[in-house]
Every structure is written in C-alpha cells, then in structure tokens.
C-alpha cells in the first residue's frame, strides 16, 4: 500500500504543485535580492554591501544624480526580472 501511495503522490500531486513551487521560488528570490535592511545593518564595509545598499547610500554621499540612480536601479533589477 505504501508504494502505491508514493506513486500516486509523485505522479499526480507533485506535477500539480510545480507551478506553486516555482512561483514561491521566484518571489523569494526577488525578496532576497532586494533586501536592503540586512545589507545595511550587518555588512559594515562598503566592499561587502550589495548593490541595492550602494544605491540607497548614493544620495547621502554625493549630490543626487537622478540618471545615475535610475541606471543603477535598472541594473540591479535585471537579475530579478530575467529570472521570471
């Protein structure tokens, strides 16, 4: 009985769950990629910080250059957009 239950699970239930699993994986990747708080609080040196933290600190370090900020935002969003 156990073998038949496992076969039913893997042949019917797992294929039905694949779209939900992929959706959760993509959304989790986007959330981790755009996580600003962890990079800002726990990584102290600027060389270790992720790109999103660097973009957030640009206005405080220099005068606000909007085209530079938008170009950096586009580059930082590309991996998350291309994974979908």
Protein backbone atom coordinates (compact mmCIF):
# COMPACT_ATOMS: atom_id res chain seq x y z
CA UNK A 1 0.00 0.00 0.00
CA UNK A 2 2.87 2.41 0.74
CA UNK A 3 4.36 2.06 -2.74
CA UNK A 4 1.05 2.83 -4.44
CA UNK A 5 0.54 5.91 -2.27
CA UNK A 6 4.02 7.20 -3.08
CA UNK A 7 3.48 6.56 -6.79
CA UNK A 8 0.19 8.47 -6.73
CA UNK A 9 1.85 11.31 -4.86
CA UNK A 10 4.76 11.66 -7.27
CA UNK A 11 2.74 11.14 -10.46
CA UNK A 12 -0.28 13.31 -9.61
CA UNK A 13 0.32 15.66 -6.69
CA UNK A 14 3.88 16.80 -7.41
CA UNK A 15 3.18 17.85 -11.04
CA UNK A 16 0.15 19.80 -9.84
CA UNK A 17 2.29 21.57 -7.23
CA UNK A 18 5.13 22.56 -9.58
CA UNK A 19 3.63 25.95 -10.63
CA UNK A 20 3.11 26.93 -6.99
CA UNK A 21 6.63 25.86 -6.06
CA UNK A 22 8.13 27.86 -8.95
CA UNK A 23 6.06 30.93 -8.02
CA UNK A 24 7.23 30.80 -4.40
CA UNK A 25 10.84 30.34 -5.52
CA UNK A 26 10.73 33.36 -7.86
CA UNK A 27 9.06 35.61 -5.28
CA UNK A 28 11.55 34.52 -2.61
CA UNK A 29 14.46 35.25 -4.96
CA UNK A 30 13.13 38.74 -5.66
CA UNK A 31 12.63 39.41 -1.95
CA UNK A 32 16.14 38.26 -1.05
CA UNK A 33 17.66 40.18 -3.98
CA UNK A 34 16.01 43.44 -2.93
CA UNK A 35 16.63 43.04 0.80
CA UNK A 36 18.05 46.36 1.90
CA UNK A 37 17.92 46.04 5.69
CA UNK A 38 20.24 43.04 6.10
CA UNK A 39 22.91 44.52 3.86
CA UNK A 40 22.70 47.88 5.54
CA UNK A 41 22.81 46.64 9.13
CA UNK A 42 25.11 43.63 9.11
CA UNK A 43 27.67 44.37 6.40
CA UNK A 44 29.90 47.15 7.64
CA UNK A 45 32.44 47.72 4.85
CA UNK A 46 31.26 49.23 1.56
CA UNK A 47 33.03 46.49 -0.43
CA UNK A 48 30.79 43.81 1.13
CA UNK A 49 27.49 45.60 0.68
CA UNK A 50 25.10 44.60 -2.10
CA UNK A 51 24.18 46.85 -4.99
CA UNK A 52 20.85 47.91 -3.51
CA UNK A 53 22.56 49.28 -0.40
CA UNK A 54 25.02 51.17 -2.59
CA UNK A 55 22.14 52.73 -4.49
CA UNK A 56 20.43 53.72 -1.25
CA UNK A 57 23.56 55.48 0.02
CA UNK A 58 24.33 57.41 -3.19
CA UNK A 59 22.22 60.49 -2.26
CA UNK A 60 23.89 60.76 1.15
CA UNK A 61 27.43 60.55 -0.25
CA UNK A 62 27.16 62.77 -3.33
CA UNK A 63 24.77 65.22 -4.86
CA UNK A 64 21.68 63.50 -6.19
CA UNK A 65 22.33 62.41 -9.77
CA UNK A 66 18.98 61.01 -10.90
CA UNK A 67 20.14 59.42 -14.19
CA UNK A 68 22.94 57.60 -12.35
CA UNK A 69 20.49 56.40 -9.70
CA UNK A 70 17.98 55.20 -12.31
CA UNK A 71 20.68 53.39 -14.31
CA UNK A 72 21.85 51.63 -11.16
CA UNK A 73 18.29 50.71 -10.28
CA UNK A 74 17.78 49.20 -13.73
CA UNK A 75 20.98 47.18 -13.48
CA UNK A 76 20.09 45.93 -10.01
CA UNK A 77 16.60 44.86 -11.14
CA UNK A 78 17.76 42.92 -14.21
CA UNK A 79 18.56 39.61 -12.45
CA UNK A 80 15.21 39.56 -10.69
CA UNK A 81 13.30 40.43 -13.86
CA UNK A 82 15.20 37.99 -16.06
CA UNK A 83 14.58 35.11 -13.64
CA UNK A 84 10.83 35.28 -14.21
